[in-house]
């Protein structure tokens, strides 16, 4: 019975997380510059932690959490890559300004 309640709680949390993801995606689609404020390290750690949750969902046999979680994994991976690319562009521009 406890496992059933735990899985139900995980399902509910996964659905809420998925709705939050849709709202974040809507904001990013409307204005991609929103991602510029994201931390590179924070985005990476969030991505890694959600992959950990995906592994746990798989091991628990929680199909709902596992299925809905992959969209979140993809979002945070893209946020990390975008933040990293922005930082690399900024670093390149700063080096060009310094070098004659």
PDB file of N, CA and C in Angstrom:
ATOM      1  N   UNK A   1       0.807  -1.194   0.000  1.00  0.00           N
ATOM      2  CA  UNK A   1       0.000   0.000   0.000  1.00  0.00           C
ATOM      3  C   UNK A   1       0.854   1.263   0.000  1.00  0.00           C
ATOM      4  N   UNK A   2       1.958   1.231   0.792  1.00  0.00           N
ATOM      5  CA  UNK A   2       2.839   2.398   0.834  1.00  0.00           C
ATOM      6  C   UNK A   2       3.482   2.662  -0.524  1.00  0.00           C
ATOM      7  N   UNK A   3       3.846   1.599  -1.229  1.00  0.00           N
ATOM      8  CA  UNK A   3       4.448   1.750  -2.557  1.00  0.00           C
ATOM      9  C   UNK A   3       3.440   2.352  -3.532  1.00  0.00           C
ATOM     10  N   UNK A   4       2.193   1.970  -3.407  1.00  0.00           N
ATOM     11  CA  UNK A   4       1.144   2.523  -4.278  1.00  0.00           C
ATOM     12  C   UNK A   4       0.991   4.017  -4.037  1.00  0.00           C
ATOM     13  N   UNK A   5       0.962   4.426  -2.772  1.00  0.00           N
ATOM     14  CA  UNK A   5       0.822   5.853  -2.438  1.00  0.00           C
ATOM     15  C   UNK A   5       2.056   6.625  -2.902  1.00  0.00           C
ATOM     16  N   UNK A   6       3.236   6.037  -2.741  1.00  0.00           N
ATOM     17  CA  UNK A   6       4.464   6.694  -3.186  1.00  0.00           C
ATOM     18  C   UNK A   6       4.455   6.886  -4.702  1.00  0.00           C
ATOM     19  N   UNK A   7       4.051   5.863  -5.437  1.00  0.00           N
ATOM     20  CA  UNK A   7       3.979   5.979  -6.892  1.00  0.00           C
ATOM     21  C   UNK A   7       2.921   6.982  -7.326  1.00  0.00           C
ATOM     22  N   UNK A   8       1.813   7.035  -6.611  1.00  0.00           N
ATOM     23  CA  UNK A   8       0.766   8.016  -6.906  1.00  0.00           C
ATOM     24  C   UNK A   8       1.288   9.436  -6.676  1.00  0.00           C
ATOM     25  N   UNK A   9       2.025   9.627  -5.588  1.00  0.00           N
ATOM     26  CA  UNK A   9       2.619  10.942  -5.306  1.00  0.00           C
ATOM     27  C   UNK A   9       3.637  11.311  -6.388  1.00  0.00           C
ATOM     28  N   UNK A  10       4.436  10.349  -6.823  1.00  0.00           N
ATOM     29  CA  UNK A  10       5.404  10.602  -7.890  1.00  0.00           C
ATOM     30  C   UNK A  10       4.701  10.932  -9.206  1.00  0.00           C
ATOM     31  N   UNK A  11       3.595  10.243  -9.490  1.00  0.00           N
ATOM     32  CA  UNK A  11       2.820  10.546 -10.701  1.00  0.00           C
ATOM     33  C   UNK A  11       2.284  11.969 -10.657  1.00  0.00           C
ATOM     34  N   UNK A  12       1.722  12.357  -9.527  1.00  0.00           N
ATOM     35  CA  UNK A  12       1.180  13.707  -9.387  1.00  0.00           C
ATOM     36  C   UNK A  12       2.282  14.755  -9.524  1.00  0.00           C
ATOM     37  N   UNK A  13       3.410  14.524  -8.874  1.00  0.00           N
ATOM     38  CA  UNK A  13       4.536  15.462  -8.979  1.00  0.00           C
ATOM     39  C   UNK A  13       5.042  15.539 -10.420  1.00  0.00           C
ATOM     40  N   UNK A  14       5.070  14.435 -11.119  1.00  0.00           N
ATOM     41  CA  UNK A  14       5.521  14.422 -12.517  1.00  0.00           C
ATOM     42  C   UNK A  14       4.579  15.209 -13.413  1.00  0.00           C
ATOM     43  N   UNK A  15       3.295  15.082 -13.166  1.00  0.00           N
ATOM     44  CA  UNK A  15       2.321  15.831 -13.964  1.00  0.00           C
ATOM     45  C   UNK A  15       2.458  17.323 -13.702  1.00  0.00           C
ATOM     46  N   UNK A  16       2.605  17.711 -12.436  1.00  0.00           N
ATOM     47  CA  UNK A  16       2.799  19.132 -12.102  1.00  0.00           C
ATOM     48  C   UNK A  16       4.086  19.645 -12.734  1.00  0.00           C
ATOM     49  N   UNK A  17       5.152  18.853 -12.670  1.00  0.00           N
ATOM     50  CA  UNK A  17       6.423  19.246 -13.274  1.00  0.00           C
ATOM     51  C   UNK A  17       6.283  19.416 -14.787  1.00  0.00           C
ATOM     52  N   UNK A  18       5.517  18.547 -15.419  1.00  0.00           N
ATOM     53  CA  UNK A  18       5.311  18.627 -16.864  1.00  0.00           C
ATOM     54  C   UNK A  18       4.535  19.897 -17.237  1.00  0.00           C
ATOM     55  N   UNK A  19       3.530  20.238 -16.447  1.00  0.00           N
ATOM     56  CA  UNK A  19       2.779  21.484 -16.691  1.00  0.00           C
ATOM     57  C   UNK A  19       3.708  22.693 -16.525  1.00  0.00           C
ATOM     58  N   UNK A  20       4.536  22.668 -15.496  1.00  0.00           N
ATOM     59  CA  UNK A  20       5.505  23.756 -15.299  1.00  0.00           C
ATOM     60  C   UNK A  20       6.457  23.847 -16.485  1.00  0.00           C
ATOM     61  N   UNK A  21       6.868  22.709 -17.002  1.00  0.00           N
ATOM     62  CA  UNK A  21       7.748  22.679 -18.174  1.00  0.00           C
ATOM     63  C   UNK A  21       7.068  23.318 -19.379  1.00  0.00           C
ATOM     64  N   UNK A  22       5.797  23.010 -19.574  1.00  0.00           N
ATOM     65  CA  UNK A  22       5.066  23.610 -20.693  1.00  0.00           C
ATOM     66  C   UNK A  22       4.999  25.126 -20.565  1.00  0.00           C
ATOM     67  N   UNK A  23       4.817  25.621 -19.357  1.00  0.00           N
ATOM     68  CA  UNK A  23       4.799  27.069 -19.137  1.00  0.00           C
ATOM     69  C   UNK A  23       6.171  27.687 -19.416  1.00  0.00           C
ATOM     70  N   UNK A  24       7.228  26.989 -19.000  1.00  0.00           N
ATOM     71  CA  UNK A  24       8.582  27.480 -19.278  1.00  0.00           C
ATOM     72  C   UNK A  24       8.861  27.470 -20.777  1.00  0.00           C
ATOM     73  N   UNK A  25       8.438  26.418 -21.454  1.00  0.00           N
ATOM     74  CA  UNK A  25       8.635  26.336 -22.903  1.00  0.00           C
ATOM     75  C   UNK A  25       7.889  27.463 -23.616  1.00  0.00           C
ATOM     76  N   UNK A  26       6.697  27.754 -23.154  1.00  0.00           N
ATOM     77  CA  UNK A  26       5.923  28.848 -23.743  1.00  0.00           C
ATOM     78  C   UNK A  26       6.685  30.166 -23.619  1.00  0.00           C
ATOM     79  N   UNK A  27       7.253  30.409 -22.439  1.00  0.00           N
ATOM     80  CA  UNK A  27       8.023  31.633 -22.226  1.00  0.00           C
ATOM     81  C   UNK A  27       9.256  31.676 -23.127  1.00  0.00           C
ATOM     82  N   UNK A  28       9.925  30.548 -23.292  1.00  0.00           N
ATOM     83  CA  UNK A  28      11.133  30.491 -24.124  1.00  0.00           C
ATOM     84  C   UNK A  28      10.780  30.656 -25.600  1.00  0.00           C
ATOM     85  N   UNK A  29       9.678  30.065 -26.017  1.00  0.00           N
ATOM     86  CA  UNK A  29       9.269  30.190 -27.416  1.00  0.00           C
ATOM     87  C   UNK A  29       8.899  31.643 -27.738  1.00  0.00           C
ATOM     88  N   UNK A  30       8.254  32.313 -26.799  1.00  0.00           N
ATOM     89  CA  UNK A  30       7.884  33.716 -27.010  1.00  0.00           C
ATOM     90  C   UNK A  30       9.119  34.624 -27.058  1.00  0.00           C
ATOM     91  N   UNK A  31      10.112  34.319 -26.205  1.00  0.00           N
ATOM     92  CA  UNK A  31      11.308  35.153 -26.124  1.00  0.00           C
ATOM     93  C   UNK A  31      12.497  34.286 -25.732  1.00  0.00           C
ATOM     94  N   UNK A  32      13.288  33.927 -26.733  1.00  0.00           N
ATOM     95  CA  UNK A  32      14.422  33.039 -26.492  1.00  0.00           C
ATOM     96  C   UNK A  32      15.476  33.674 -25.590  1.00  0.00           C
ATOM     97  N   UNK A  33      15.462  34.985 -25.492  1.00  0.00           N
ATOM     98  CA  UNK A  33      16.442  35.673 -24.653  1.00  0.00           C
ATOM     99  C   UNK A  33      16.253  35.368 -23.174  1.00  0.00           C
ATOM    100  N   UNK A  34      15.118  34.780 -22.821  1.00  0.00           N
ATOM    101  CA  UNK A  34      14.866  34.392 -21.437  1.00  0.00           C
ATOM    102  C   UNK A  34      15.954  33.442 -20.948  1.00  0.00           C
ATOM    103  N   UNK A  35      16.458  32.604 -21.829  1.00  0.00           N
ATOM    104  CA  UNK A  35      17.475  31.620 -21.453  1.00  0.00           C
ATOM    105  C   UNK A  35      18.818  32.265 -21.109  1.00  0.00           C
ATOM    106  N   UNK A  36      19.028  33.505 -21.495  1.00  0.00           N
ATOM    107  CA  UNK A  36      20.325  34.144 -21.220  1.00  0.00           C
ATOM    108  C   UNK A  36      20.588  34.322 -19.741  1.00  0.00           C
ATOM    109  N   UNK A  37      19.550  34.375 -18.951  1.00  0.00           N
ATOM    110  CA  UNK A  37      19.727  34.547 -17.517  1.00  0.00           C
ATOM    111  C   UNK A  37      20.009  33.256 -16.781  1.00  0.00           C
ATOM    112  N   UNK A  38      19.999  32.133 -17.480  1.00  0.00           N
ATOM    113  CA  UNK A  38      20.212  30.847 -16.831  1.00  0.00           C
ATOM    114  C   UNK A  38      21.688  30.634 -16.541  1.00  0.00           C
ATOM    115  N   UNK A  39      21.959  30.047 -15.408  1.00  0.00           N
ATOM    116  CA  UNK A  39      23.319  29.712 -15.017  1.00  0.00           C
ATOM    117  C   UNK A  39      23.762  28.453 -15.758  1.00  0.00           C
ATOM    118  N   UNK A  40      24.995  28.463 -16.238  1.00  0.00           N
ATOM    119  CA  UNK A  40      25.530  27.280 -16.927  1.00  0.00           C
ATOM    120  C   UNK A  40      25.619  26.104 -15.949  1.00  0.00           C
ATOM    121  N   UNK A  41      26.207  26.342 -14.800  1.00  0.00           N
ATOM    122  CA  UNK A  41      26.377  25.274 -13.818  1.00  0.00           C
ATOM    123  C   UNK A  41      25.016  24.824 -13.295  1.00  0.00           C
ATOM    124  N   UNK A  42      24.130  25.774 -13.022  1.00  0.00           N
ATOM    125  CA  UNK A  42      22.802  25.425 -12.541  1.00  0.00           C
ATOM    126  C   UNK A  42      22.020  24.598 -13.554  1.00  0.00           C
ATOM    127  N   UNK A  43      22.103  24.978 -14.816  1.00  0.00           N
ATOM    128  CA  UNK A  43      21.416  24.227 -15.866  1.00  0.00           C
ATOM    129  C   UNK A  43      21.976  22.817 -15.986  1.00  0.00           C
ATOM    130  N   UNK A  44      23.307  22.710 -15.914  1.00  0.00           N
ATOM    131  CA  UNK A  44      23.939  21.397 -16.018  1.00  0.00           C
ATOM    132  C   UNK A  44      23.552  20.509 -14.841  1.00  0.00           C
ATOM    133  N   UNK A  45      23.605  21.068 -13.625  1.00  0.00           N
ATOM    134  CA  UNK A  45      23.268  20.271 -12.448  1.00  0.00           C
ATOM    135  C   UNK A  45      21.794  19.870 -12.451  1.00  0.00           C
ATOM    136  N   UNK A  46      20.929  20.741 -12.918  1.00  0.00           N
ATOM    137  CA  UNK A  46      19.513  20.400 -13.023  1.00  0.00           C
ATOM    138  C   UNK A  46      19.327  19.265 -14.025  1.00  0.00           C
ATOM    139  N   UNK A  47      20.014  19.359 -15.161  1.00  0.00           N
ATOM    140  CA  UNK A  47      19.960  18.298 -16.169  1.00  0.00           C
ATOM    141  C   UNK A  47      20.410  16.966 -15.573  1.00  0.00           C
ATOM    142  N   UNK A  48      21.543  16.966 -14.889  1.00  0.00           N
ATOM    143  CA  UNK A  48      22.090  15.729 -14.312  1.00  0.00           C
ATOM    144  C   UNK A  48      21.141  15.169 -13.245  1.00  0.00           C
ATOM    145  N   UNK A  49      20.591  16.040 -12.414  1.00  0.00           N
ATOM    146  CA  UNK A  49      19.699  15.545 -11.360  1.00  0.00           C
ATOM    147  C   UNK A  49      18.426  14.946 -11.948  1.00  0.00           C
ATOM    148  N   UNK A  50      17.900  15.547 -13.013  1.00  0.00           N
ATOM    149  CA  UNK A  50      16.686  15.011 -13.618  1.00  0.00           C
ATOM    150  C   UNK A  50      16.973  13.678 -14.307  1.00  0.00           C
ATOM    151  N   UNK A  51      18.160  13.514 -14.854  1.00  0.00           N
ATOM    152  CA  UNK A  51      18.536  12.200 -15.392  1.00  0.00           C
ATOM    153  C   UNK A  51      18.548  11.178 -14.249  1.00  0.00           C
ATOM    154  N   UNK A  52      19.020  11.597 -13.074  1.00  0.00           N
ATOM    155  CA  UNK A  52      18.979  10.720 -11.903  1.00  0.00           C
ATOM    156  C   UNK A  52      17.557  10.336 -11.527  1.00  0.00           C
ATOM    157  N   UNK A  53      16.649  11.316 -11.593  1.00  0.00           N
ATOM    158  CA  UNK A  53      15.240  11.010 -11.332  1.00  0.00           C
ATOM    159  C   UNK A  53      14.695  10.029 -12.363  1.00  0.00           C
ATOM    160  N   UNK A  54      15.089  10.203 -13.617  1.00  0.00           N
ATOM    161  CA  UNK A  54      14.637   9.289 -14.667  1.00  0.00           C
ATOM    162  C   UNK A  54      15.101   7.862 -14.390  1.00  0.00           C
ATOM    163  N   UNK A  55      16.327   7.720 -13.929  1.00  0.00           N
ATOM    164  CA  UNK A  55      16.843   6.392 -13.580  1.00  0.00           C
ATOM    165  C   UNK A  55      16.023   5.805 -12.433  1.00  0.00           C
ATOM    166  N   UNK A  56      15.726   6.643 -11.426  1.00  0.00           N
ATOM    167  CA  UNK A  56      14.930   6.167 -10.290  1.00  0.00           C
ATOM    168  C   UNK A  56      13.516   5.786 -10.734  1.00  0.00           C
ATOM    169  N   UNK A  57      12.899   6.599 -11.591  1.00  0.00           N
ATOM    170  CA  UNK A  57      11.561   6.259 -12.100  1.00  0.00           C
ATOM    171  C   UNK A  57      11.593   4.914 -12.829  1.00  0.00           C
ATOM    172  N   UNK A  58      12.614   4.713 -13.621  1.00  0.00           N
ATOM    173  CA  UNK A  58      12.747   3.455 -14.352  1.00  0.00           C
ATOM    174  C   UNK A  58      12.882   2.276 -13.386  1.00  0.00           C
ATOM    175  N   UNK A  59      13.748   2.428 -12.394  1.00  0.00           N
ATOM    176  CA  UNK A  59      13.980   1.343 -11.435  1.00  0.00           C
ATOM    177  C   UNK A  59      12.744   1.049 -10.597  1.00  0.00           C
ATOM    178  N   UNK A  60      11.941   2.085 -10.328  1.00  0.00           N
ATOM    179  CA  UNK A  60      10.708   1.893  -9.568  1.00  0.00           C
ATOM    180  C   UNK A  60       9.562   1.378 -10.430  1.00  0.00           C
ATOM    181  N   UNK A  61       9.754   1.432 -11.742  1.00  0.00           N
ATOM    182  CA  UNK A  61       8.684   1.021 -12.647  1.00  0.00           C
ATOM    183  C   UNK A  61       7.597   2.062 -12.780  1.00  0.00           C
ATOM    184  N   UNK A  62       7.930   3.323 -12.501  1.00  0.00           N
ATOM    185  CA  UNK A  62       6.962   4.412 -12.577  1.00  0.00           C
ATOM    186  C   UNK A  62       6.916   4.915 -14.013  1.00  0.00           C
ATOM    187  N   UNK A  63       5.948   4.428 -14.758  1.00  0.00           N
ATOM    188  CA  UNK A  63       5.850   4.725 -16.191  1.00  0.00           C
ATOM    189  C   UNK A  63       5.511   6.192 -16.455  1.00  0.00           C
ATOM    190  N   UNK A  64       4.591   6.759 -15.670  1.00  0.00           N
ATOM    191  CA  UNK A  64       4.167   8.143 -15.884  1.00  0.00           C
ATOM    192  C   UNK A  64       5.338   9.096 -15.668  1.00  0.00           C
ATOM    193  N   UNK A  65       6.028   8.957 -14.548  1.00  0.00           N
ATOM    194  CA  UNK A  65       7.179   9.814 -14.263  1.00  0.00           C
ATOM    195  C   UNK A  65       8.279   9.656 -15.291  1.00  0.00           C
ATOM    196  N   UNK A  66       8.526   8.423 -15.683  1.00  0.00           N
ATOM    197  CA  UNK A  66       9.572   8.150 -16.661  1.00  0.00           C
ATOM    198  C   UNK A  66       9.232   8.780 -18.011  1.00  0.00           C
ATOM    199  N   UNK A  67       7.991   8.624 -18.445  1.00  0.00           N
ATOM    200  CA  UNK A  67       7.585   9.145 -19.762  1.00  0.00           C
ATOM    201  C   UNK A  67       7.573  10.677 -19.781  1.00  0.00           C
ATOM    202  N   UNK A  68       6.989  11.288 -18.763  1.00  0.00           N
ATOM    203  CA  UNK A  68       6.896  12.751 -18.739  1.00  0.00           C
ATOM    204  C   UNK A  68       8.246  13.415 -18.460  1.00  0.00           C
ATOM    205  N   UNK A  69       9.121  12.703 -17.788  1.00  0.00           N
ATOM    206  CA  UNK A  69      10.413  13.281 -17.409  1.00  0.00           C
ATOM    207  C   UNK A  69      11.356  13.536 -18.572  1.00  0.00           C
ATOM    208  N   UNK A  70      11.215  12.798 -19.672  1.00  0.00           N
ATOM    209  CA  UNK A  70      12.157  12.972 -20.776  1.00  0.00           C
ATOM    210  C   UNK A  70      12.042  14.340 -21.433  1.00  0.00           C
ATOM    211  N   UNK A  71      10.856  14.920 -21.416  1.00  0.00           N
ATOM    212  CA  UNK A  71      10.704  16.277 -21.955  1.00  0.00           C
ATOM    213  C   UNK A  71      11.479  17.266 -21.089  1.00  0.00           C
ATOM    214  N   UNK A  72      11.450  17.052 -19.791  1.00  0.00           N
ATOM    215  CA  UNK A  72      12.189  17.923 -18.875  1.00  0.00           C
ATOM    216  C   UNK A  72      13.692  17.746 -19.056  1.00  0.00           C
ATOM    217  N   UNK A  73      14.122  16.521 -19.242  1.00  0.00           N
ATOM    218  CA  UNK A  73      15.544  16.252 -19.498  1.00  0.00           C
ATOM    219  C   UNK A  73      15.985  17.000 -20.756  1.00  0.00           C
ATOM    220  N   UNK A  74      15.184  16.909 -21.802  1.00  0.00           N
ATOM    221  CA  UNK A  74      15.523  17.578 -23.064  1.00  0.00           C
ATOM    222  C   UNK A  74      15.580  19.085 -22.883  1.00  0.00           C
ATOM    223  N   UNK A  75      14.613  19.658 -22.172  1.00  0.00           N
ATOM    224  CA  UNK A  75      14.596  21.102 -21.957  1.00  0.00           C
ATOM    225  C   UNK A  75      15.853  21.566 -21.241  1.00  0.00           C
ATOM    226  N   UNK A  76      16.215  20.901 -20.152  1.00  0.00           N
ATOM    227  CA  UNK A  76      17.377  21.348 -19.381  1.00  0.00           C
ATOM    228  C   UNK A  76      18.691  21.086 -20.117  1.00  0.00           C
ATOM    229  N   UNK A  77      18.734  20.071 -20.951  1.00  0.00           N
ATOM    230  CA  UNK A  77      19.921  19.865 -21.771  1.00  0.00           C
ATOM    231  C   UNK A  77      20.063  21.015 -22.769  1.00  0.00           C
ATOM    232  N   UNK A  78      18.960  21.383 -23.398  1.00  0.00           N
ATOM    233  CA  UNK A  78      18.987  22.494 -24.354  1.00  0.00           C
ATOM    234  C   UNK A  78      19.331  23.803 -23.639  1.00  0.00           C
ATOM    235  N   UNK A  79      18.767  24.015 -22.451  1.00  0.00           N
ATOM    236  CA  UNK A  79      19.081  25.226 -21.683  1.00  0.00           C
ATOM    237  C   UNK A  79      20.570  25.270 -21.337  1.00  0.00           C
ATOM    238  N   UNK A  80      21.144  24.129 -20.967  1.00  0.00           N
ATOM    239  CA  UNK A  80      22.571  24.071 -20.657  1.00  0.00           C
ATOM    240  C   UNK A  80      23.413  24.382 -21.890  1.00  0.00           C
ATOM    241  N   UNK A  81      23.102  23.732 -23.002  1.00  0.00           N
ATOM    242  CA  UNK A  81      23.877  23.946 -24.229  1.00  0.00           C
ATOM    243  C   UNK A  81      23.763  25.401 -24.683  1.00  0.00           C
ATOM    244  N   UNK A  82      22.563  25.969 -24.637  1.00  0.00           N
ATOM    245  CA  UNK A  82      22.357  27.359 -25.047  1.00  0.00           C
ATOM    246  C   UNK A  82      23.147  28.310 -24.140  1.00  0.00           C
ATOM    247  N   UNK A  83      23.088  28.080 -22.832  1.00  0.00           N
ATOM    248  CA  UNK A  83      23.830  28.928 -21.894  1.00  0.00           C
ATOM    249  C   UNK A  83      25.327  28.825 -22.129  1.00  0.00           C
ATOM    250  N   UNK A  84      25.802  27.624 -22.381  1.00  0.00           N
ATOM    251  CA  UNK A  84      27.225  27.420 -22.651  1.00  0.00           C
ATOM    252  C   UNK A  84      27.636  28.124 -23.938  1.00  0.00           C
ATOM    253  N   UNK A  85      26.837  28.008 -24.972  1.00  0.00           N
ATOM    254  CA  UNK A  85      27.151  28.675 -26.247  1.00  0.00           C
ATOM    255  C   UNK A  85      27.176  30.195 -26.077  1.00  0.00           C
ATOM    256  N   UNK A  86      26.236  30.728 -25.328  1.00  0.00           N
ATOM    257  CA  UNK A  86      26.210  32.167 -25.089  1.00  0.00           C
ATOM    258  C   UNK A  86      27.469  32.618 -24.351  1.00  0.00           C
ATOM    259  N   UNK A  87      27.879  31.848 -23.357  1.00  0.00           N
ATOM    260  CA  UNK A  87      29.091  32.199 -22.603  1.00  0.00           C
ATOM    261  C   UNK A  87      30.321  32.142 -23.491  1.00  0.00           C
ATOM    262  N   UNK A  88      30.403  31.116 -24.345  1.00  0.00           N
ATOM    263  CA  UNK A  88      31.547  30.998 -25.247  1.00  0.00           C
ATOM    264  C   UNK A  88      31.579  32.150 -26.245  1.00  0.00           C
ATOM    265  N   UNK A  89      30.421  32.569 -26.734  1.00  0.00           N
ATOM    266  CA  UNK A  89      30.367  33.713 -27.642  1.00  0.00           C
ATOM    267  C   UNK A  89      30.828  34.985 -26.946  1.00  0.00           C
ATOM    268  N   UNK A  90      30.384  35.185 -25.698  1.00  0.00           N
ATOM    269  CA  UNK A  90      30.789  36.360 -24.942  1.00  0.00           C
ATOM    270  C   UNK A  90      32.290  36.365 -24.705  1.00  0.00           C
ATOM    271  N   UNK A  91      32.846  35.198 -24.373  1.00  0.00           N
ATOM    272  CA  UNK A  91      34.282  35.088 -24.131  1.00  0.00           C
ATOM    273  C   UNK A  91      35.067  35.392 -25.401  1.00  0.00           C
ATOM    274  N   UNK A  92      34.585  34.895 -26.537  1.00  0.00           N
ATOM    275  CA  UNK A  92      35.244  35.146 -27.815  1.00  0.00           C
ATOM    276  C   UNK A  92      35.204  36.633 -28.158  1.00  0.00           C
ATOM    277  N   UNK A  93      34.072  37.272 -27.941  1.00  0.00           N
ATOM    278  CA  UNK A  93      33.939  38.704 -28.219  1.00  0.00           C
ATOM    279  C   UNK A  93      34.863  39.522 -27.329  1.00  0.00           C
ATOM    280  N   UNK A  94      34.978  39.133 -26.062  1.00  0.00           N
ATOM    281  CA  UNK A  94      35.865  39.859 -25.146  1.00  0.00           C
ATOM    282  C   UNK A  94      37.315  39.703 -25.558  1.00  0.00           C
ATOM    283  N   UNK A  95      37.703  38.511 -26.008  1.00  0.00           N
ATOM    284  CA  UNK A  95      39.086  38.307 -26.458  1.00  0.00           C
ATOM    285  C   UNK A  95      39.381  39.119 -27.711  1.00  0.00           C
ATOM    286  N   UNK A  96      38.396  39.231 -28.604  1.00  0.00           N
ATOM    287  CA  UNK A  96      38.593  40.017 -29.825  1.00  0.00           C
ATOM    288  C   UNK A  96      38.771  41.495 -29.505  1.00  0.00           C
ATOM    289  N   UNK A  97      38.099  41.982 -28.480  1.00  0.00           N
ATOM    290  CA  UNK A  97      38.220  43.382 -28.099  1.00  0.00           C
ATOM    291  C   UNK A  97      39.585  43.672 -27.466  1.00  0.00           C
ATOM    292  N   UNK A  98      40.123  42.710 -26.743  1.00  0.00           N
ATOM    293  CA  UNK A  98      41.395  42.886 -26.041  1.00  0.00           C
ATOM    294  C   UNK A  98      42.558  42.795 -27.023  1.00  0.00           C
ATOM    295  N   UNK A  99      42.494  41.827 -27.949  1.00  0.00           N
ATOM    296  CA  UNK A  99      43.592  41.629 -28.893  1.00  0.00           C
ATOM    297  C   UNK A  99      43.536  42.675 -29.992  1.00  0.00           C
ATOM    298  N   UNK A 100      44.702  43.260 -30.340  1.00  0.00           N
ATOM    299  CA  UNK A 100      44.712  44.279 -31.417  1.00  0.00           C
ATOM    300  C   UNK A 100      44.564  43.674 -32.791  1.00  0.00           C
TER     301      UNK A 100
END
